[in-house]
């Protein structure tokens, strides 16, 4: 795993190739989950300020698919689930827009989009079908998705209860809607290369970026953990063109395992 120290965020590209793509600075995609307190408008503002000098294009994409089904799977009535999902989605978009506006950077550089906006995109559709196919046919891929689902569901379950088939399936559907952007964002958005940035390391990272077969991220797709440095976040962003040095996880296996533990604790 890579550790890059920045004035406001530390950056951990997953492989040496991910680091090179990061340094190219073509595009970064920041995925935002509704109902996640991590993504406050202040956090979005800091991320936008931090990313603008480093990347030619920035996309904030927030999940708005299967959110109502997720609430329903955990005991809410269909009506209540629909209302709560709509409220959460509206709130997350409002926080992103507010954070981007307060960042002080031209909106032409930063786009805010809902995941549902890509359902008519032919490349997204193809990648989504591939994700669903591998969920059914690739045990390693399915196991990674199960780990992600259980990591998400676990804290929501009452003590002593196990995940139901319905809950697991809706988590699979939720993940399948997001995963195309971790496989091939450049083709979906027509950019030369892209970094998918998230604040924790996902269990699917090894599957998509570390193995030799099956469904894998394309050669111009990168993944990096981007998380706040300890202490208060500073206001001003670094000057345009600023670059930072990094080392890959293959250069320090001990460090990688330590970081994995930190990521898992922070995801809770």
Protein backbone atom coordinates (compact mmCIF):
# COMPACT_ATOMS: atom_id res chain seq x y z
CA UNK A 1 0.00 0.00 0.00
CA UNK A 2 1.15 3.50 -0.72
CA UNK A 3 1.35 6.26 1.84
CA UNK A 4 1.47 9.81 0.56
CA UNK A 5 1.45 12.66 3.03
CA UNK A 6 -0.40 15.81 2.02
CA UNK A 7 -1.20 18.97 3.92
CA UNK A 8 -4.82 17.90 4.43
CA UNK A 9 -5.21 14.28 3.27
CA UNK A 10 -3.05 11.21 3.13
CA UNK A 11 -3.24 9.26 -0.11
CA UNK A 12 -2.70 5.54 -0.50
CA UNK A 13 -2.67 4.36 -4.13
CA UNK A 14 -3.06 0.59 -4.16
CA UNK A 15 -0.31 -0.36 -6.63
CA UNK A 16 2.61 1.26 -8.41
CA UNK A 17 0.44 1.56 -11.52
CA UNK A 18 -2.25 3.27 -9.45
CA UNK A 19 0.39 5.71 -8.26
CA UNK A 20 1.43 6.52 -11.84
CA UNK A 21 -2.19 7.11 -12.85
CA UNK A 22 -2.57 9.33 -9.80
CA UNK A 23 0.45 11.34 -10.86
CA UNK A 24 -0.98 11.77 -14.39
CA UNK A 25 -3.78 13.80 -12.82
CA UNK A 26 -6.37 13.24 -15.56
CA UNK A 27 -9.45 12.53 -13.46
CA UNK A 28 -10.59 11.57 -9.99
CA UNK A 29 -13.94 10.10 -9.04
CA UNK A 30 -15.07 10.52 -5.45
CA UNK A 31 -17.93 8.23 -4.53
CA UNK A 32 -20.33 9.47 -1.86
CA UNK A 33 -22.73 7.28 0.11
CA UNK A 34 -26.05 8.69 1.38
CA UNK A 35 -26.49 8.52 5.14
CA UNK A 36 -22.72 8.42 5.75
CA UNK A 37 -21.77 11.08 8.29
CA UNK A 38 -18.21 11.14 6.95
CA UNK A 39 -19.41 13.08 3.90
CA UNK A 40 -20.32 16.38 5.50
CA UNK A 41 -20.39 19.54 3.39
CA UNK A 42 -17.15 20.57 5.14
CA UNK A 43 -15.51 17.29 4.08
CA UNK A 44 -16.70 17.72 0.51
CA UNK A 45 -15.35 21.28 0.50
CA UNK A 46 -11.96 20.04 1.71
CA UNK A 47 -11.90 17.24 -0.86
CA UNK A 48 -12.79 19.63 -3.67
CA UNK A 49 -10.12 22.13 -2.62
CA UNK A 50 -7.57 19.36 -2.32
CA UNK A 51 -8.43 17.66 -5.64
CA UNK A 52 -8.80 20.75 -7.87
CA UNK A 53 -5.07 21.56 -8.19
CA UNK A 54 -4.21 17.91 -8.84
CA UNK A 55 -6.73 16.73 -11.42
CA UNK A 56 -7.95 18.07 -14.73
CA UNK A 57 -11.47 16.77 -14.05
CA UNK A 58 -13.31 15.84 -10.86
CA UNK A 59 -16.57 13.95 -10.47
CA UNK A 60 -18.51 13.50 -7.24
CA UNK A 61 -20.91 10.60 -7.81
CA UNK A 62 -23.46 9.80 -5.12
CA UNK A 63 -25.38 6.54 -4.80
CA UNK A 64 -29.13 6.87 -5.33
CA UNK A 65 -30.00 3.35 -6.55
CA UNK A 66 -31.51 0.64 -4.32
CA UNK A 67 -31.40 2.91 -1.28
CA UNK A 68 -35.14 2.46 -0.68
CA UNK A 69 -34.77 -1.31 -1.00
CA UNK A 70 -31.95 -1.22 1.53
CA UNK A 71 -34.20 0.46 4.10
CA UNK A 72 -37.03 -1.96 3.33
CA UNK A 73 -34.73 -4.94 3.81
CA UNK A 74 -34.02 -3.75 7.34
CA UNK A 75 -37.64 -3.61 8.42
CA UNK A 76 -39.07 -0.35 7.15
CA UNK A 77 -42.40 -0.38 5.35
CA UNK A 78 -42.19 0.28 1.59
CA UNK A 79 -43.72 3.73 2.08
CA UNK A 80 -41.39 4.69 4.91
CA UNK A 81 -38.40 3.22 3.06
CA UNK A 82 -39.21 5.30 -0.01
CA UNK A 83 -39.60 8.52 1.97
CA UNK A 84 -36.44 7.97 3.98
CA UNK A 85 -34.41 7.09 0.88
CA UNK A 86 -35.62 10.22 -0.93
CA UNK A 87 -34.72 12.32 2.10
CA UNK A 88 -31.23 10.82 2.41
CA UNK A 89 -30.50 11.20 -1.31
CA UNK A 90 -31.70 14.79 -1.37
CA UNK A 91 -29.60 15.59 1.70
CA UNK A 92 -26.42 14.06 0.30
CA UNK A 93 -26.75 15.95 -2.97
CA UNK A 94 -27.33 19.18 -1.06
CA UNK A 95 -24.18 18.59 1.01
CA UNK A 96 -22.07 17.86 -2.07
CA UNK A 97 -23.31 20.92 -3.97
CA UNK A 98 -22.78 23.12 -0.91
CA UNK A 99 -19.26 21.79 -0.38
CA UNK A 100 -18.33 22.26 -4.04
CA UNK A 101 -19.72 25.80 -4.10
CA UNK A 102 -17.81 26.70 -0.93
CA UNK A 103 -14.57 25.25 -2.30
CA UNK A 104 -14.13 28.30 -4.52
CA UNK A 105 -13.27 26.42 -7.72
CA UNK A 106 -15.02 26.78 -11.12
CA UNK A 107 -17.87 24.33 -11.50
CA UNK A 108 -16.61 23.40 -14.98
CA UNK A 109 -13.83 21.46 -13.24
CA UNK A 110 -16.09 19.69 -10.75
CA UNK A 111 -19.25 17.79 -11.61
CA UNK A 112 -21.86 16.39 -9.23
CA UNK A 113 -23.83 13.41 -10.54
CA UNK A 114 -26.22 10.76 -9.31
CA UNK A 115 -25.42 7.13 -10.02
CA UNK A 116 -28.81 6.76 -11.70
CA UNK A 117 -27.76 9.25 -14.39
CA UNK A 118 -25.52 6.59 -15.92
CA UNK A 119 -28.16 3.90 -16.36
CA UNK A 120 -28.62 4.91 -20.01
CA UNK A 121 -24.86 4.99 -20.66
CA UNK A 122 -24.03 2.00 -22.95
CA UNK A 123 -20.59 1.44 -21.39
CA UNK A 124 -22.00 1.54 -17.90
CA UNK A 125 -24.73 -0.89 -18.94
CA UNK A 126 -22.16 -3.33 -20.32
CA UNK A 127 -19.97 -3.11 -17.23
CA UNK A 128 -22.98 -3.56 -14.98
CA UNK A 129 -23.94 -6.73 -16.84
CA UNK A 130 -20.36 -8.01 -16.46
CA UNK A 131 -20.46 -7.34 -12.72
CA UNK A 132 -23.72 -9.28 -12.39
CA UNK A 133 -22.29 -12.12 -14.50
CA UNK A 134 -19.20 -12.47 -12.33
CA UNK A 135 -21.31 -12.34 -9.20
CA UNK A 136 -23.03 -15.49 -10.44
CA UNK A 137 -20.03 -17.31 -11.94
CA UNK A 138 -16.84 -16.24 -10.11
CA UNK A 139 -16.55 -17.54 -6.52
CA UNK A 140 -13.65 -15.20 -5.67
CA UNK A 141 -15.50 -12.16 -6.96
CA UNK A 142 -18.68 -13.16 -5.11
CA UNK A 143 -16.71 -13.71 -1.91
CA UNK A 144 -15.28 -10.19 -2.16
CA UNK A 145 -18.79 -8.79 -2.65
CA UNK A 146 -20.02 -10.81 0.33
CA UNK A 147 -17.25 -9.38 2.49
CA UNK A 148 -18.21 -5.88 1.44
CA UNK A 149 -21.89 -6.55 2.07
CA UNK A 150 -21.29 -8.09 5.50
CA UNK A 151 -18.98 -5.26 6.45
CA UNK A 152 -21.79 -2.84 5.64
CA UNK A 153 -24.64 -4.88 7.11
CA UNK A 154 -22.92 -6.13 10.27
CA UNK A 155 -23.29 -2.98 12.38
CA UNK A 156 -26.96 -2.70 11.38
CA UNK A 157 -27.94 -6.16 12.59
CA UNK A 158 -29.35 -6.70 16.10
CA UNK A 159 -27.02 -8.69 18.31
CA UNK A 160 -27.23 -12.40 17.62
CA UNK A 161 -29.00 -12.06 14.27
CA UNK A 162 -27.54 -13.20 10.95
CA UNK A 163 -27.93 -11.53 7.59
CA UNK A 164 -30.95 -12.67 5.59
CA UNK A 165 -30.93 -13.66 1.93
CA UNK A 166 -33.00 -10.56 1.12
CA UNK A 167 -30.55 -8.25 2.86
CA UNK A 168 -27.58 -9.86 1.15
CA UNK A 169 -29.20 -9.62 -2.27
CA UNK A 170 -30.08 -5.94 -1.96
CA UNK A 171 -26.49 -5.26 -0.88
CA UNK A 172 -25.28 -7.12 -3.98
CA UNK A 173 -27.54 -4.98 -6.16
CA UNK A 174 -26.32 -1.80 -4.45
CA UNK A 175 -22.68 -2.80 -4.95
CA UNK A 176 -23.24 -3.93 -8.53
CA UNK A 177 -24.53 -0.46 -9.37
CA UNK A 178 -21.32 1.14 -8.04
CA UNK A 179 -18.66 -1.33 -9.16
CA UNK A 180 -18.53 -0.34 -12.86
CA UNK A 181 -16.76 2.85 -11.74
CA UNK A 182 -14.07 0.80 -10.01
CA UNK A 183 -13.58 -1.28 -13.15
CA UNK A 184 -13.48 1.25 -15.98
CA UNK A 185 -14.40 4.85 -15.22
CA UNK A 186 -12.31 6.12 -18.19
CA UNK A 187 -14.62 4.38 -20.68
CA UNK A 188 -17.78 5.48 -18.89
CA UNK A 189 -16.77 9.14 -18.69
CA UNK A 190 -14.46 9.30 -21.72
CA UNK A 191 -11.36 10.41 -19.81
CA UNK A 192 -7.75 9.25 -20.43
CA UNK A 193 -7.38 7.70 -16.97
CA UNK A 194 -9.10 7.87 -13.63
CA UNK A 195 -8.55 7.35 -9.93
CA UNK A 196 -11.44 6.03 -7.84
CA UNK A 197 -10.96 7.62 -4.42
CA UNK A 198 -12.58 6.47 -1.21
CA UNK A 199 -11.74 6.99 2.46
CA UNK A 200 -11.31 3.30 3.30
CA UNK A 201 -9.89 0.29 1.52
CA UNK A 202 -12.65 -1.93 0.18
CA UNK A 203 -12.50 -5.74 0.35
CA UNK A 204 -12.97 -5.74 -3.45
CA UNK A 205 -9.69 -3.87 -4.00
CA UNK A 206 -7.57 -7.03 -4.06
CA UNK A 207 -10.01 -8.74 -6.41
CA UNK A 208 -10.19 -5.93 -8.96
CA UNK A 209 -6.60 -4.70 -8.78
CA UNK A 210 -4.55 -7.57 -7.45
CA UNK A 211 -5.40 -10.81 -9.23
CA UNK A 212 -4.46 -12.02 -12.68
CA UNK A 213 -7.82 -13.20 -14.05
CA UNK A 214 -11.56 -12.72 -13.84
CA UNK A 215 -13.12 -9.29 -13.69
CA UNK A 216 -10.32 -6.77 -13.22
CA UNK A 217 -9.90 -3.03 -13.35
CA UNK A 218 -8.67 -1.74 -16.70
CA UNK A 219 -5.05 -0.64 -17.10
CA UNK A 220 -5.96 3.07 -16.91
CA UNK A 221 -8.17 2.68 -13.84
CA UNK A 222 -6.65 3.30 -10.40
CA UNK A 223 -7.82 3.04 -6.83
CA UNK A 224 -6.59 5.07 -3.86
CA UNK A 225 -7.59 5.50 -0.27
CA UNK A 226 -7.85 9.23 0.44
CA UNK A 227 -8.40 10.08 4.07
CA UNK A 228 -7.83 13.05 6.38
CA UNK A 229 -4.50 13.48 8.06
CA UNK A 230 -4.73 13.47 11.87
CA UNK A 231 -5.45 16.90 13.23
CA UNK A 232 -7.42 19.87 11.86
CA UNK A 233 -7.82 20.26 8.11
CA UNK A 234 -6.22 23.43 6.73
CA UNK A 235 -8.15 25.86 4.55
CA UNK A 236 -6.02 26.69 1.51
CA UNK A 237 -5.21 24.00 -1.03
CA UNK A 238 -1.69 23.42 -2.41
CA UNK A 239 -0.65 25.31 -5.52
CA UNK A 240 -1.58 23.79 -8.91
CA UNK A 241 0.91 21.23 -10.13
CA UNK A 242 1.86 20.09 -6.63
CA UNK A 243 2.83 16.43 -6.59
CA UNK A 244 3.65 14.09 -3.74
CA UNK A 245 5.81 11.01 -3.51
CA UNK A 246 4.57 7.57 -2.63
CA UNK A 247 5.57 3.97 -2.28
CA UNK A 248 3.42 1.00 -3.25
CA UNK A 249 2.07 -1.69 -0.99
CA UNK A 250 4.39 -4.21 -2.62
CA UNK A 251 7.34 -2.29 -1.21
CA UNK A 252 6.21 -2.79 2.38
CA UNK A 253 4.05 -5.78 3.22
CA UNK A 254 4.18 -5.03 6.93
CA UNK A 255 2.96 -1.50 6.33
CA UNK A 256 0.19 -2.81 4.09
CA UNK A 257 -1.18 -5.10 6.76
CA UNK A 258 -1.08 -2.31 9.32
CA UNK A 259 -2.93 0.02 6.96
CA UNK A 260 -5.50 -2.66 6.18
CA UNK A 261 -6.36 -2.86 9.88
CA UNK A 262 -6.70 0.90 10.14
CA UNK A 263 -8.97 0.99 7.07
CA UNK A 264 -11.22 -1.70 8.45
CA UNK A 265 -11.62 0.11 11.76
CA UNK A 266 -12.33 3.43 10.04
CA UNK A 267 -15.01 1.87 7.82
CA UNK A 268 -17.17 0.96 10.81
